[in-house]
Every structure is written in C-alpha cells, then in structure tokens.
C-alpha cells in the first residue's frame, strides 16, 4: 500500500516526485514519505498527526466523507 506519483503544480510550471506508504524498516511499522529523493520514516505520534491532518483537509475539500 503506497502512493507514488510525479505531482504537477496547478500552474504546470513545477512538479515534485512524491512517494508515501507503510514502512517496516524499523521495529515499529509507520509511514514513510519520500519527496524528490529525500526520505523519512515518521515516528508514530507524527504519523498520527499527519494522517489526521490529511483526513481533515480531504474532508474540507469534499474529497472524503465527513
């Protein structure tokens, strides 16, 4: 389970390579994020905030059900 895309800005002038998914690299599974080749694995507290914020934005924009 992951997302991997070259995402283009609405201006069509810039783009960014984004990869996001589940990491089992460390003892505790969590979320990894790779943006333009820079990769991090979040601690679970940060991952929870990231998921909540993503969900909140998705709901606000009508992309997810409330």
PDB file of N, CA and C in Angstrom:
ATOM      1  N   UNK A   1       0.831  -1.169   0.000  1.00  0.00           N
ATOM      2  CA  UNK A   1       0.000   0.000   0.000  1.00  0.00           C
ATOM      3  C   UNK A   1       0.879   1.238   0.000  1.00  0.00           C
ATOM      4  N   UNK A   2       0.791   1.969  -1.097  1.00  0.00           N
ATOM      5  CA  UNK A   2       1.602   3.175  -1.220  1.00  0.00           C
ATOM      6  C   UNK A   2       1.061   4.055  -2.333  1.00  0.00           C
ATOM      7  N   UNK A   3       1.521   5.286  -2.345  1.00  0.00           N
ATOM      8  CA  UNK A   3       1.208   6.262  -3.384  1.00  0.00           C
ATOM      9  C   UNK A   3       2.536   6.679  -3.984  1.00  0.00           C
ATOM     10  N   UNK A   4       2.613   6.676  -5.301  1.00  0.00           N
ATOM     11  CA  UNK A   4       3.838   7.104  -5.979  1.00  0.00           C
ATOM     12  C   UNK A   4       3.453   7.840  -7.250  1.00  0.00           C
ATOM     13  N   UNK A   5       3.774   9.124  -7.318  1.00  0.00           N
ATOM     14  CA  UNK A   5       3.402   9.973  -8.459  1.00  0.00           C
ATOM     15  C   UNK A   5       4.405  11.100  -8.626  1.00  0.00           C
ATOM     16  N   UNK A   6       4.539  11.553  -9.851  1.00  0.00           N
ATOM     17  CA  UNK A   6       5.138  12.856 -10.095  1.00  0.00           C
ATOM     18  C   UNK A   6       3.957  13.813 -10.139  1.00  0.00           C
ATOM     19  N   UNK A   7       3.866  14.677  -9.149  1.00  0.00           N
ATOM     20  CA  UNK A   7       2.719  15.566  -8.986  1.00  0.00           C
ATOM     21  C   UNK A   7       3.066  16.919  -9.585  1.00  0.00           C
ATOM     22  N   UNK A   8       2.195  17.387 -10.473  1.00  0.00           N
ATOM     23  CA  UNK A   8       2.413  18.679 -11.123  1.00  0.00           C
ATOM     24  C   UNK A   8       1.621  19.759 -10.395  1.00  0.00           C
ATOM     25  N   UNK A   9       2.229  20.921 -10.258  1.00  0.00           N
ATOM     26  CA  UNK A   9       1.561  22.078  -9.678  1.00  0.00           C
ATOM     27  C   UNK A   9       0.424  22.506 -10.615  1.00  0.00           C
ATOM     28  N   UNK A  10      -0.610  23.117 -10.065  1.00  0.00           N
ATOM     29  CA  UNK A  10      -1.703  23.607 -10.903  1.00  0.00           C
ATOM     30  C   UNK A  10      -1.209  24.609 -11.936  1.00  0.00           C
ATOM     31  N   UNK A  11      -0.117  25.291 -11.649  1.00  0.00           N
ATOM     32  CA  UNK A  11       0.455  26.249 -12.601  1.00  0.00           C
ATOM     33  C   UNK A  11       1.110  25.549 -13.790  1.00  0.00           C
ATOM     34  N   UNK A  12       1.348  24.247 -13.646  1.00  0.00           N
ATOM     35  CA  UNK A  12       2.018  23.410 -14.651  1.00  0.00           C
ATOM     36  C   UNK A  12       3.486  23.797 -14.853  1.00  0.00           C
ATOM     37  N   UNK A  13       4.021  24.648 -13.973  1.00  0.00           N
ATOM     38  CA  UNK A  13       5.410  25.086 -14.097  1.00  0.00           C
ATOM     39  C   UNK A  13       6.368  24.224 -13.292  1.00  0.00           C
ATOM     40  N   UNK A  14       5.871  23.568 -12.250  1.00  0.00           N
ATOM     41  CA  UNK A  14       6.732  22.784 -11.366  1.00  0.00           C
ATOM     42  C   UNK A  14       6.117  21.419 -11.117  1.00  0.00           C
ATOM     43  N   UNK A  15       6.974  20.476 -10.760  1.00  0.00           N
ATOM     44  CA  UNK A  15       6.479  19.170 -10.346  1.00  0.00           C
ATOM     45  C   UNK A  15       7.335  18.642  -9.208  1.00  0.00           C
ATOM     46  N   UNK A  16       6.843  17.575  -8.582  1.00  0.00           N
ATOM     47  CA  UNK A  16       7.517  17.012  -7.422  1.00  0.00           C
ATOM     48  C   UNK A  16       7.272  15.505  -7.419  1.00  0.00           C
ATOM     49  N   UNK A  17       8.316  14.731  -7.220  1.00  0.00           N
ATOM     50  CA  UNK A  17       8.171  13.283  -7.080  1.00  0.00           C
ATOM     51  C   UNK A  17       7.806  12.980  -5.634  1.00  0.00           C
ATOM     52  N   UNK A  18       6.651  12.328  -5.447  1.00  0.00           N
ATOM     53  CA  UNK A  18       6.171  12.006  -4.102  1.00  0.00           C
ATOM     54  C   UNK A  18       5.919  10.508  -4.002  1.00  0.00           C
ATOM     55  N   UNK A  19       6.421   9.913  -2.938  1.00  0.00           N
ATOM     56  CA  UNK A  19       6.135   8.515  -2.610  1.00  0.00           C
ATOM     57  C   UNK A  19       5.768   8.483  -1.131  1.00  0.00           C
ATOM     58  N   UNK A  20       4.719   7.733  -0.817  1.00  0.00           N
ATOM     59  CA  UNK A  20       4.170   7.703   0.533  1.00  0.00           C
ATOM     60  C   UNK A  20       3.658   6.300   0.780  1.00  0.00           C
ATOM     61  N   UNK A  21       3.950   5.738   1.929  1.00  0.00           N
ATOM     62  CA  UNK A  21       3.446   4.399   2.204  1.00  0.00           C
ATOM     63  C   UNK A  21       3.811   3.903   3.592  1.00  0.00           C
ATOM     64  N   UNK A  22       3.691   2.592   3.759  1.00  0.00           N
ATOM     65  CA  UNK A  22       3.976   1.923   5.023  1.00  0.00           C
ATOM     66  C   UNK A  22       5.423   1.468   5.044  1.00  0.00           C
ATOM     67  N   UNK A  23       6.098   1.735   6.136  1.00  0.00           N
ATOM     68  CA  UNK A  23       7.483   1.300   6.292  1.00  0.00           C
ATOM     69  C   UNK A  23       7.584   0.275   7.411  1.00  0.00           C
ATOM     70  N   UNK A  24       8.293  -0.806   7.140  1.00  0.00           N
ATOM     71  CA  UNK A  24       8.594  -1.798   8.181  1.00  0.00           C
ATOM     72  C   UNK A  24      10.100  -1.831   8.442  1.00  0.00           C
ATOM     73  N   UNK A  25      10.798  -0.768   8.060  1.00  0.00           N
ATOM     74  CA  UNK A  25      12.251  -0.709   8.194  1.00  0.00           C
ATOM     75  C   UNK A  25      12.685  -0.768   9.656  1.00  0.00           C
ATOM     76  N   UNK A  26      11.959  -0.053  10.523  1.00  0.00           N
ATOM     77  CA  UNK A  26      12.271  -0.044  11.946  1.00  0.00           C
ATOM     78  C   UNK A  26      11.386  -1.056  12.668  1.00  0.00           C
ATOM     79  N   UNK A  27      11.656  -1.266  13.943  1.00  0.00           N
ATOM     80  CA  UNK A  27      10.896  -2.240  14.737  1.00  0.00           C
ATOM     81  C   UNK A  27       9.401  -1.934  14.715  1.00  0.00           C
ATOM     82  N   UNK A  28       9.059  -0.645  14.767  1.00  0.00           N
ATOM     83  CA  UNK A  28       7.668  -0.211  14.788  1.00  0.00           C
ATOM     84  C   UNK A  28       7.261   0.242  13.384  1.00  0.00           C
ATOM     85  N   UNK A  29       6.268  -0.431  12.778  1.00  0.00           N
ATOM     86  CA  UNK A  29       5.778  -0.017  11.462  1.00  0.00           C
ATOM     87  C   UNK A  29       5.262   1.421  11.537  1.00  0.00           C
ATOM     88  N   UNK A  30       5.462   2.167  10.478  1.00  0.00           N
ATOM     89  CA  UNK A  30       4.969   3.538  10.442  1.00  0.00           C
ATOM     90  C   UNK A  30       4.825   3.989   8.996  1.00  0.00           C
ATOM     91  N   UNK A  31       4.780   5.281   8.783  1.00  0.00           N
ATOM     92  CA  UNK A  31       4.617   5.879   7.462  1.00  0.00           C
ATOM     93  C   UNK A  31       5.962   6.404   6.980  1.00  0.00           C
ATOM     94  N   UNK A  32       6.257   6.138   5.703  1.00  0.00           N
ATOM     95  CA  UNK A  32       7.437   6.773   5.109  1.00  0.00           C
ATOM     96  C   UNK A  32       6.958   7.781   4.083  1.00  0.00           C
ATOM     97  N   UNK A  33       7.776   8.786   3.876  1.00  0.00           N
ATOM     98  CA  UNK A  33       7.484   9.836   2.914  1.00  0.00           C
ATOM     99  C   UNK A  33       8.770  10.139   2.170  1.00  0.00           C
ATOM    100  N   UNK A  34       8.700  10.116   0.852  1.00  0.00           N
ATOM    101  CA  UNK A  34       9.854  10.401   0.009  1.00  0.00           C
ATOM    102  C   UNK A  34       9.439  11.520  -0.948  1.00  0.00           C
ATOM    103  N   UNK A  35      10.093  12.665  -0.828  1.00  0.00           N
ATOM    104  CA  UNK A  35       9.793  13.813  -1.682  1.00  0.00           C
ATOM    105  C   UNK A  35      11.075  14.207  -2.405  1.00  0.00           C
ATOM    106  N   UNK A  36      11.033  14.092  -3.722  1.00  0.00           N
ATOM    107  CA  UNK A  36      12.193  14.426  -4.557  1.00  0.00           C
ATOM    108  C   UNK A  36      13.480  13.766  -4.061  1.00  0.00           C
ATOM    109  N   UNK A  37      13.356  12.504  -3.648  1.00  0.00           N
ATOM    110  CA  UNK A  37      14.528  11.730  -3.252  1.00  0.00           C
ATOM    111  C   UNK A  37      14.936  11.857  -1.798  1.00  0.00           C
ATOM    112  N   UNK A  38      14.262  12.697  -1.040  1.00  0.00           N
ATOM    113  CA  UNK A  38      14.565  12.829   0.389  1.00  0.00           C
ATOM    114  C   UNK A  38      13.535  12.016   1.168  1.00  0.00           C
ATOM    115  N   UNK A  39      14.004  10.956   1.865  1.00  0.00           N
ATOM    116  CA  UNK A  39      13.098  10.004   2.505  1.00  0.00           C
ATOM    117  C   UNK A  39      13.197  10.078   4.021  1.00  0.00           C
ATOM    118  N   UNK A  40      12.025  10.007   4.675  1.00  0.00           N
ATOM    119  CA  UNK A  40      11.963   9.915   6.131  1.00  0.00           C
ATOM    120  C   UNK A  40      10.952   8.842   6.516  1.00  0.00           C
ATOM    121  N   UNK A  41      11.144   8.259   7.696  1.00  0.00           N
ATOM    122  CA  UNK A  41      10.162   7.360   8.301  1.00  0.00           C
ATOM    123  C   UNK A  41       9.695   8.058   9.572  1.00  0.00           C
ATOM    124  N   UNK A  42       8.404   8.319   9.655  1.00  0.00           N
ATOM    125  CA  UNK A  42       7.852   9.077  10.779  1.00  0.00           C
ATOM    126  C   UNK A  42       7.743   8.213  12.028  1.00  0.00           C
ATOM    127  N   UNK A  43       7.915   8.853  13.199  1.00  0.00           N
ATOM    128  CA  UNK A  43       7.556   8.169  14.437  1.00  0.00           C
ATOM    129  C   UNK A  43       6.029   8.111  14.469  1.00  0.00           C
ATOM    130  N   UNK A  44       5.468   7.219  15.287  1.00  0.00           N
ATOM    131  CA  UNK A  44       4.015   7.012  15.261  1.00  0.00           C
ATOM    132  C   UNK A  44       3.215   8.245  15.679  1.00  0.00           C
ATOM    133  N   UNK A  45       3.720   9.033  16.603  1.00  0.00           N
ATOM    134  CA  UNK A  45       2.995  10.244  17.019  1.00  0.00           C
ATOM    135  C   UNK A  45       2.879  11.226  15.853  1.00  0.00           C
ATOM    136  N   UNK A  46       3.955  11.402  15.106  1.00  0.00           N
ATOM    137  CA  UNK A  46       3.932  12.287  13.942  1.00  0.00           C
ATOM    138  C   UNK A  46       3.061  11.701  12.845  1.00  0.00           C
ATOM    139  N   UNK A  47       3.151  10.387  12.637  1.00  0.00           N
ATOM    140  CA  UNK A  47       2.328   9.723  11.619  1.00  0.00           C
ATOM    141  C   UNK A  47       0.843   9.931  11.909  1.00  0.00           C
ATOM    142  N   UNK A  48       0.470   9.835  13.176  1.00  0.00           N
ATOM    143  CA  UNK A  48      -0.936  10.036  13.553  1.00  0.00           C
ATOM    144  C   UNK A  48      -1.381  11.461  13.221  1.00  0.00           C
ATOM    145  N   UNK A  49      -0.554  12.457  13.545  1.00  0.00           N
ATOM    146  CA  UNK A  49      -0.879  13.855  13.219  1.00  0.00           C
ATOM    147  C   UNK A  49      -0.984  14.060  11.710  1.00  0.00           C
ATOM    148  N   UNK A  50      -0.062  13.444  10.962  1.00  0.00           N
ATOM    149  CA  UNK A  50      -0.035  13.561   9.505  1.00  0.00           C
ATOM    150  C   UNK A  50      -1.318  12.992   8.894  1.00  0.00           C
ATOM    151  N   UNK A  51      -1.711  11.812   9.353  1.00  0.00           N
ATOM    152  CA  UNK A  51      -2.924  11.169   8.831  1.00  0.00           C
ATOM    153  C   UNK A  51      -4.160  11.987   9.199  1.00  0.00           C
ATOM    154  N   UNK A  52      -4.222  12.478  10.432  1.00  0.00           N
ATOM    155  CA  UNK A  52      -5.375  13.278  10.851  1.00  0.00           C
ATOM    156  C   UNK A  52      -5.478  14.561  10.031  1.00  0.00           C
ATOM    157  N   UNK A  53      -4.355  15.238   9.835  1.00  0.00           N
ATOM    158  CA  UNK A  53      -4.360  16.474   9.047  1.00  0.00           C
ATOM    159  C   UNK A  53      -4.748  16.198   7.599  1.00  0.00           C
ATOM    160  N   UNK A  54      -4.238  15.113   7.029  1.00  0.00           N
ATOM    161  CA  UNK A  54      -4.586  14.745   5.649  1.00  0.00           C
ATOM    162  C   UNK A  54      -6.079  14.467   5.530  1.00  0.00           C
ATOM    163  N   UNK A  55      -6.619  13.741   6.499  1.00  0.00           N
ATOM    164  CA  UNK A  55      -8.048  13.436   6.510  1.00  0.00           C
ATOM    165  C   UNK A  55      -8.880  14.711   6.655  1.00  0.00           C
ATOM    166  N   UNK A  56      -8.469  15.590   7.554  1.00  0.00           N
ATOM    167  CA  UNK A  56      -9.201  16.848   7.753  1.00  0.00           C
ATOM    168  C   UNK A  56      -9.227  17.689   6.480  1.00  0.00           C
ATOM    169  N   UNK A  57      -8.099  17.796   5.798  1.00  0.00           N
ATOM    170  CA  UNK A  57      -8.036  18.559   4.547  1.00  0.00           C
ATOM    171  C   UNK A  57      -8.915  17.893   3.486  1.00  0.00           C
ATOM    172  N   UNK A  58      -8.849  16.572   3.382  1.00  0.00           N
ATOM    173  CA  UNK A  58      -9.673  15.841   2.420  1.00  0.00           C
ATOM    174  C   UNK A  58     -11.159  16.053   2.657  1.00  0.00           C
ATOM    175  N   UNK A  59     -11.566  16.042   3.918  1.00  0.00           N
ATOM    176  CA  UNK A  59     -12.974  16.279   4.259  1.00  0.00           C
ATOM    177  C   UNK A  59     -13.373  17.713   3.920  1.00  0.00           C
ATOM    178  N   UNK A  60     -12.528  18.674   4.256  1.00  0.00           N
ATOM    179  CA  UNK A  60     -12.806  20.079   3.979  1.00  0.00           C
ATOM    180  C   UNK A  60     -13.011  20.316   2.485  1.00  0.00           C
ATOM    181  N   UNK A  61     -12.188  19.665   1.667  1.00  0.00           N
ATOM    182  CA  UNK A  61     -12.276  19.843   0.214  1.00  0.00           C
ATOM    183  C   UNK A  61     -13.356  18.975  -0.437  1.00  0.00           C
ATOM    184  N   UNK A  62     -14.035  18.145   0.356  1.00  0.00           N
ATOM    185  CA  UNK A  62     -15.075  17.275  -0.176  1.00  0.00           C
ATOM    186  C   UNK A  62     -14.530  16.038  -0.864  1.00  0.00           C
ATOM    187  N   UNK A  63     -13.270  15.712  -0.620  1.00  0.00           N
ATOM    188  CA  UNK A  63     -12.652  14.531  -1.223  1.00  0.00           C
ATOM    189  C   UNK A  63     -12.912  13.280  -0.395  1.00  0.00           C
ATOM    190  N   UNK A  64     -13.236  13.463   0.883  1.00  0.00           N
ATOM    191  CA  UNK A  64     -13.598  12.376   1.795  1.00  0.00           C
ATOM    192  C   UNK A  64     -14.929  12.719   2.437  1.00  0.00           C
ATOM    193  N   UNK A  65     -15.679  11.701   2.813  1.00  0.00           N
ATOM    194  CA  UNK A  65     -16.936  11.945   3.514  1.00  0.00           C
ATOM    195  C   UNK A  65     -16.638  12.390   4.935  1.00  0.00           C
ATOM    196  N   UNK A  66     -17.481  13.249   5.443  1.00  0.00           N
ATOM    197  CA  UNK A  66     -17.317  13.740   6.830  1.00  0.00           C
ATOM    198  C   UNK A  66     -17.833  12.737   7.813  1.00  0.00           C
TER     199      UNK A  66
END
